[in-house]
Amino acid sequence: MSSRALEYSAADPTFALAHFGAKIQVETDCTDVQADLVDGTAGFVLLDVRGPNAFARGHVDGAISFPYRNMTEESLAKWPMDTVFVVYCAGPHCNAADKAAYRLSQLGRPVKLMLGGVTGWIDEGFELASLQNAEAVA
C-alpha cells in the first residue's frame, strides 16, 4: 500500500518557499492577532467585515465594525494609506473577509486576512466582546 499523503510529490523547496512566503504575507492567525492586541503591539487596524447584526452578537474586542460593502476611498480616508488592515468574518464558511481584502487591495491598502474568523477565534479559546464597547464605521 502506498502513501496517500505522498501520492503527489512534495514541491521543490524553492517553489514551497515562494508559495508559503506569499501566503504569510496576506494571512495571519487568531493567536497572533490576540497576542498583539493583548501586548499592545498590533500595528494594524482590525476590521470585522460582517454585517452589523453579526457584529452585535459578538466580535473580537478591539475590532471595528466595517462591513466590506461600505469600503470606499471616502470611508477609509481617516486612515493613512500605509495603514495595515487585518480583516475577519464569521469563519471558513464565509468569504466576506476575502471580499474585504480584495476591496482593500483594489483601493491600494495593505491588508491581511485573519484565518478562521470568529469561528477560529472561539476555537482558540478566546472570548468575544459585547457591543457596548464597540466602534463602528458606517
C-alpha atoms as a PDB file:
ATOM      1  CA  MET A   1       0.000   0.000   0.000  1.00  0.00           C
ATOM      2  CA  SER A   2       1.397   3.400  -0.952  1.00  0.00           C
ATOM      3  CA  SER A   3       1.145   6.687   0.932  1.00  0.00           C
ATOM      4  CA  ARG A   4      -1.905   8.796   0.152  1.00  0.00           C
ATOM      5  CA  ALA A   5      -0.133  11.845   1.553  1.00  0.00           C
ATOM      6  CA  LEU A   6       2.692  11.359  -0.928  1.00  0.00           C
ATOM      7  CA  GLU A   7       0.555  10.366  -3.914  1.00  0.00           C
ATOM      8  CA  TYR A   8       1.587  13.744  -5.329  1.00  0.00           C
ATOM      9  CA  SER A   9       5.211  14.553  -4.685  1.00  0.00           C
ATOM     10  CA  ALA A  10       6.233  17.384  -2.393  1.00  0.00           C
ATOM     11  CA  ALA A  11       7.036  20.656  -4.103  1.00  0.00           C
ATOM     12  CA  ASP A  12      10.573  21.738  -4.770  1.00  0.00           C
ATOM     13  CA  PRO A  13      11.778  23.749  -1.740  1.00  0.00           C
ATOM     14  CA  THR A  14      12.252  26.880  -3.868  1.00  0.00           C
ATOM     15  CA  PHE A  15       8.638  26.688  -5.038  1.00  0.00           C
ATOM     16  CA  ALA A  16       7.432  25.961  -1.481  1.00  0.00           C
ATOM     17  CA  LEU A  17       9.391  28.932  -0.137  1.00  0.00           C
ATOM     18  CA  ALA A  18       7.739  31.293  -2.625  1.00  0.00           C
ATOM     19  CA  HIS A  19       4.281  29.770  -2.077  1.00  0.00           C
ATOM     20  CA  PHE A  20       4.305  29.833   1.725  1.00  0.00           C
ATOM     21  CA  GLY A  21       6.077  33.176   1.815  1.00  0.00           C
ATOM     22  CA  ALA A  22       3.274  34.673  -0.269  1.00  0.00           C
ATOM     23  CA  LYS A  23       0.627  33.116   1.987  1.00  0.00           C
ATOM     24  CA  ILE A  24       2.023  34.549   5.206  1.00  0.00           C
ATOM     25  CA  GLN A  25       2.221  37.999   3.629  1.00  0.00           C
ATOM     26  CA  VAL A  26      -1.564  38.023   3.169  1.00  0.00           C
ATOM     27  CA  GLU A  27      -2.702  35.865   6.107  1.00  0.00           C
ATOM     28  CA  THR A  28      -2.347  35.850   9.865  1.00  0.00           C
ATOM     29  CA  ASP A  29      -3.983  33.749  12.555  1.00  0.00           C
ATOM     30  CA  CYS A  30      -6.147  34.348  15.584  1.00  0.00           C
ATOM     31  CA  THR A  31      -3.399  33.575  18.081  1.00  0.00           C
ATOM     32  CA  ASP A  32      -1.033  36.168  16.620  1.00  0.00           C
ATOM     33  CA  VAL A  33      -3.781  38.803  16.430  1.00  0.00           C
ATOM     34  CA  GLN A  34      -4.851  38.107  20.015  1.00  0.00           C
ATOM     35  CA  ALA A  35      -1.258  38.276  21.294  1.00  0.00           C
ATOM     36  CA  ASP A  36      -0.683  41.596  19.507  1.00  0.00           C
ATOM     37  CA  LEU A  37      -3.908  43.049  20.889  1.00  0.00           C
ATOM     38  CA  VAL A  38      -3.058  41.955  24.436  1.00  0.00           C
ATOM     39  CA  ASP A  39       0.557  43.178  24.178  1.00  0.00           C
ATOM     40  CA  GLY A  40      -0.468  46.469  22.614  1.00  0.00           C
ATOM     41  CA  THR A  41       1.829  45.786  19.666  1.00  0.00           C
ATOM     42  CA  ALA A  42      -0.814  45.382  16.982  1.00  0.00           C
ATOM     43  CA  GLY A  43       0.360  47.977  14.463  1.00  0.00           C
ATOM     44  CA  PHE A  44      -2.782  47.270  12.436  1.00  0.00           C
ATOM     45  CA  VAL A  45      -6.461  48.141  12.389  1.00  0.00           C
ATOM     46  CA  LEU A  46      -8.684  45.118  12.991  1.00  0.00           C
ATOM     47  CA  LEU A  47     -11.878  45.153  10.927  1.00  0.00           C
ATOM     48  CA  ASP A  48     -14.882  42.911  11.450  1.00  0.00           C
ATOM     49  CA  VAL A  49     -16.317  42.953   7.942  1.00  0.00           C
ATOM     50  CA  ARG A  50     -19.590  41.150   8.667  1.00  0.00           C
ATOM     51  CA  GLY A  51     -22.892  42.947   8.892  1.00  0.00           C
ATOM     52  CA  PRO A  52     -23.904  44.944  11.975  1.00  0.00           C
ATOM     53  CA  ASN A  53     -26.209  42.235  13.352  1.00  0.00           C
ATOM     54  CA  ALA A  54     -23.447  39.631  13.337  1.00  0.00           C
ATOM     55  CA  PHE A  55     -21.063  42.145  14.911  1.00  0.00           C
ATOM     56  CA  ALA A  56     -23.620  42.899  17.637  1.00  0.00           C
ATOM     57  CA  ARG A  57     -23.885  39.204  18.521  1.00  0.00           C
ATOM     58  CA  GLY A  58     -20.151  39.063  19.245  1.00  0.00           C
ATOM     59  CA  HIS A  59     -16.857  40.299  17.861  1.00  0.00           C
ATOM     60  CA  VAL A  60     -13.167  40.436  18.667  1.00  0.00           C
ATOM     61  CA  ASP A  61     -12.542  43.083  21.314  1.00  0.00           C
ATOM     62  CA  GLY A  62     -10.785  45.988  19.636  1.00  0.00           C
ATOM     63  CA  ALA A  63     -12.265  45.315  16.215  1.00  0.00           C
ATOM     64  CA  ILE A  64     -14.131  47.978  14.295  1.00  0.00           C
ATOM     65  CA  SER A  65     -17.371  47.043  12.587  1.00  0.00           C
ATOM     66  CA  PHE A  66     -16.807  47.863   8.937  1.00  0.00           C
ATOM     67  CA  PRO A  67     -18.929  45.805   6.539  1.00  0.00           C
ATOM     68  CA  TYR A  68     -16.943  45.169   3.378  1.00  0.00           C
ATOM     69  CA  ARG A  69     -19.698  46.635   1.198  1.00  0.00           C
ATOM     70  CA  ASN A  70     -19.050  50.032   2.820  1.00  0.00           C
ATOM     71  CA  MET A  71     -15.365  50.178   1.881  1.00  0.00           C
ATOM     72  CA  THR A  72     -14.654  53.163  -0.330  1.00  0.00           C
ATOM     73  CA  GLU A  73     -11.833  55.666  -0.625  1.00  0.00           C
ATOM     74  CA  GLU A  74     -14.008  58.104   1.306  1.00  0.00           C
ATOM     75  CA  SER A  75     -14.869  55.722   4.133  1.00  0.00           C
ATOM     76  CA  LEU A  76     -11.193  54.786   4.555  1.00  0.00           C
ATOM     77  CA  ALA A  77      -9.918  58.370   4.394  1.00  0.00           C
ATOM     78  CA  LYS A  78      -9.438  58.662   8.159  1.00  0.00           C
ATOM     79  CA  TRP A  79      -6.552  56.165   7.973  1.00  0.00           C
ATOM     80  CA  PRO A  80      -3.226  56.895   6.247  1.00  0.00           C
ATOM     81  CA  MET A  81      -2.633  54.928   3.028  1.00  0.00           C
ATOM     82  CA  ASP A  82       0.042  52.780   4.674  1.00  0.00           C
ATOM     83  CA  THR A  83      -2.267  51.594   7.482  1.00  0.00           C
ATOM     84  CA  VAL A  84      -2.320  47.805   7.574  1.00  0.00           C
ATOM     85  CA  PHE A  85      -5.778  46.319   7.959  1.00  0.00           C
ATOM     86  CA  VAL A  86      -6.478  42.855   9.331  1.00  0.00           C
ATOM     87  CA  VAL A  87      -9.911  41.639   8.305  1.00  0.00           C
ATOM     88  CA  TYR A  88     -12.077  38.799   9.531  1.00  0.00           C
ATOM     89  CA  CYS A  89     -15.581  37.450   9.064  1.00  0.00           C
ATOM     90  CA  ALA A  90     -17.589  34.565  10.506  1.00  0.00           C
ATOM     91  CA  GLY A  91     -15.143  31.804   9.636  1.00  0.00           C
ATOM     92  CA  PRO A  92     -14.199  29.268   6.986  1.00  0.00           C
ATOM     93  CA  HIS A  93     -17.778  29.101   5.720  1.00  0.00           C
ATOM     94  CA  CYS A  94     -17.825  32.851   5.000  1.00  0.00           C
ATOM     95  CA  ASN A  95     -15.982  34.795   2.298  1.00  0.00           C
ATOM     96  CA  ALA A  96     -16.704  38.350   3.470  1.00  0.00           C
ATOM     97  CA  ALA A  97     -13.088  38.699   4.656  1.00  0.00           C
ATOM     98  CA  ASP A  98     -11.846  37.645   1.220  1.00  0.00           C
ATOM     99  CA  LYS A  99     -14.135  40.226  -0.365  1.00  0.00           C
ATOM    100  CA  ALA A 100     -12.905  42.884   2.070  1.00  0.00           C
ATOM    101  CA  ALA A 101      -9.257  42.010   1.433  1.00  0.00           C
ATOM    102  CA  TYR A 102      -9.875  42.157  -2.303  1.00  0.00           C
ATOM    103  CA  ARG A 103     -11.610  45.527  -1.987  1.00  0.00           C
ATOM    104  CA  LEU A 104      -8.906  46.992   0.244  1.00  0.00           C
ATOM    105  CA  SER A 105      -6.278  45.785  -2.224  1.00  0.00           C
ATOM    106  CA  GLN A 106      -8.187  47.421  -5.079  1.00  0.00           C
ATOM    107  CA  LEU A 107      -8.047  50.662  -3.095  1.00  0.00           C
ATOM    108  CA  GLY A 108      -4.272  50.359  -2.664  1.00  0.00           C
ATOM    109  CA  ARG A 109      -4.456  49.443   1.040  1.00  0.00           C
ATOM    110  CA  PRO A 110      -2.209  46.842   2.722  1.00  0.00           C
ATOM    111  CA  VAL A 111      -4.286  44.007   4.157  1.00  0.00           C
ATOM    112  CA  LYS A 112      -4.063  40.638   5.846  1.00  0.00           C
ATOM    113  CA  LEU A 113      -6.839  38.132   6.419  1.00  0.00           C
ATOM    114  CA  MET A 114      -7.228  36.604   9.886  1.00  0.00           C
ATOM    115  CA  LEU A 115      -7.666  32.901   9.225  1.00  0.00           C
ATOM    116  CA  GLY A 116     -10.642  31.247  10.899  1.00  0.00           C
ATOM    117  CA  GLY A 117     -12.560  34.447  11.641  1.00  0.00           C
ATOM    118  CA  VAL A 118     -14.934  34.338  14.604  1.00  0.00           C
ATOM    119  CA  THR A 119     -15.057  30.528  14.450  1.00  0.00           C
ATOM    120  CA  GLY A 120     -11.276  30.326  14.691  1.00  0.00           C
ATOM    121  CA  TRP A 121     -11.236  32.896  17.492  1.00  0.00           C
ATOM    122  CA  ILE A 122     -13.658  30.816  19.561  1.00  0.00           C
ATOM    123  CA  ASP A 123     -11.836  27.574  18.669  1.00  0.00           C
ATOM    124  CA  GLU A 124      -8.636  29.077  20.103  1.00  0.00           C
ATOM    125  CA  GLY A 125     -10.475  29.664  23.394  1.00  0.00           C
ATOM    126  CA  PHE A 126     -10.698  33.441  23.084  1.00  0.00           C
ATOM    127  CA  GLU A 127     -13.838  35.280  24.116  1.00  0.00           C
ATOM    128  CA  LEU A 128     -15.937  37.644  22.050  1.00  0.00           C
ATOM    129  CA  ALA A 129     -16.718  41.161  23.187  1.00  0.00           C
ATOM    130  CA  SER A 130     -20.094  42.775  23.720  1.00  0.00           C
ATOM    131  CA  LEU A 131     -21.466  45.523  21.527  1.00  0.00           C
ATOM    132  CA  GLN A 132     -21.352  48.231  24.197  1.00  0.00           C
ATOM    133  CA  ASN A 133     -17.543  48.644  23.834  1.00  0.00           C
ATOM    134  CA  ALA A 134     -17.524  48.620  20.041  1.00  0.00           C
ATOM    135  CA  GLU A 135     -16.635  51.158  17.411  1.00  0.00           C
ATOM    136  CA  ALA A 136     -18.458  51.106  14.102  1.00  0.00           C
ATOM    137  CA  VAL A 137     -17.858  52.686  10.726  1.00  0.00           C
ATOM    138  CA  ALA A 138     -20.991  53.250   8.689  1.00  0.00           C
END
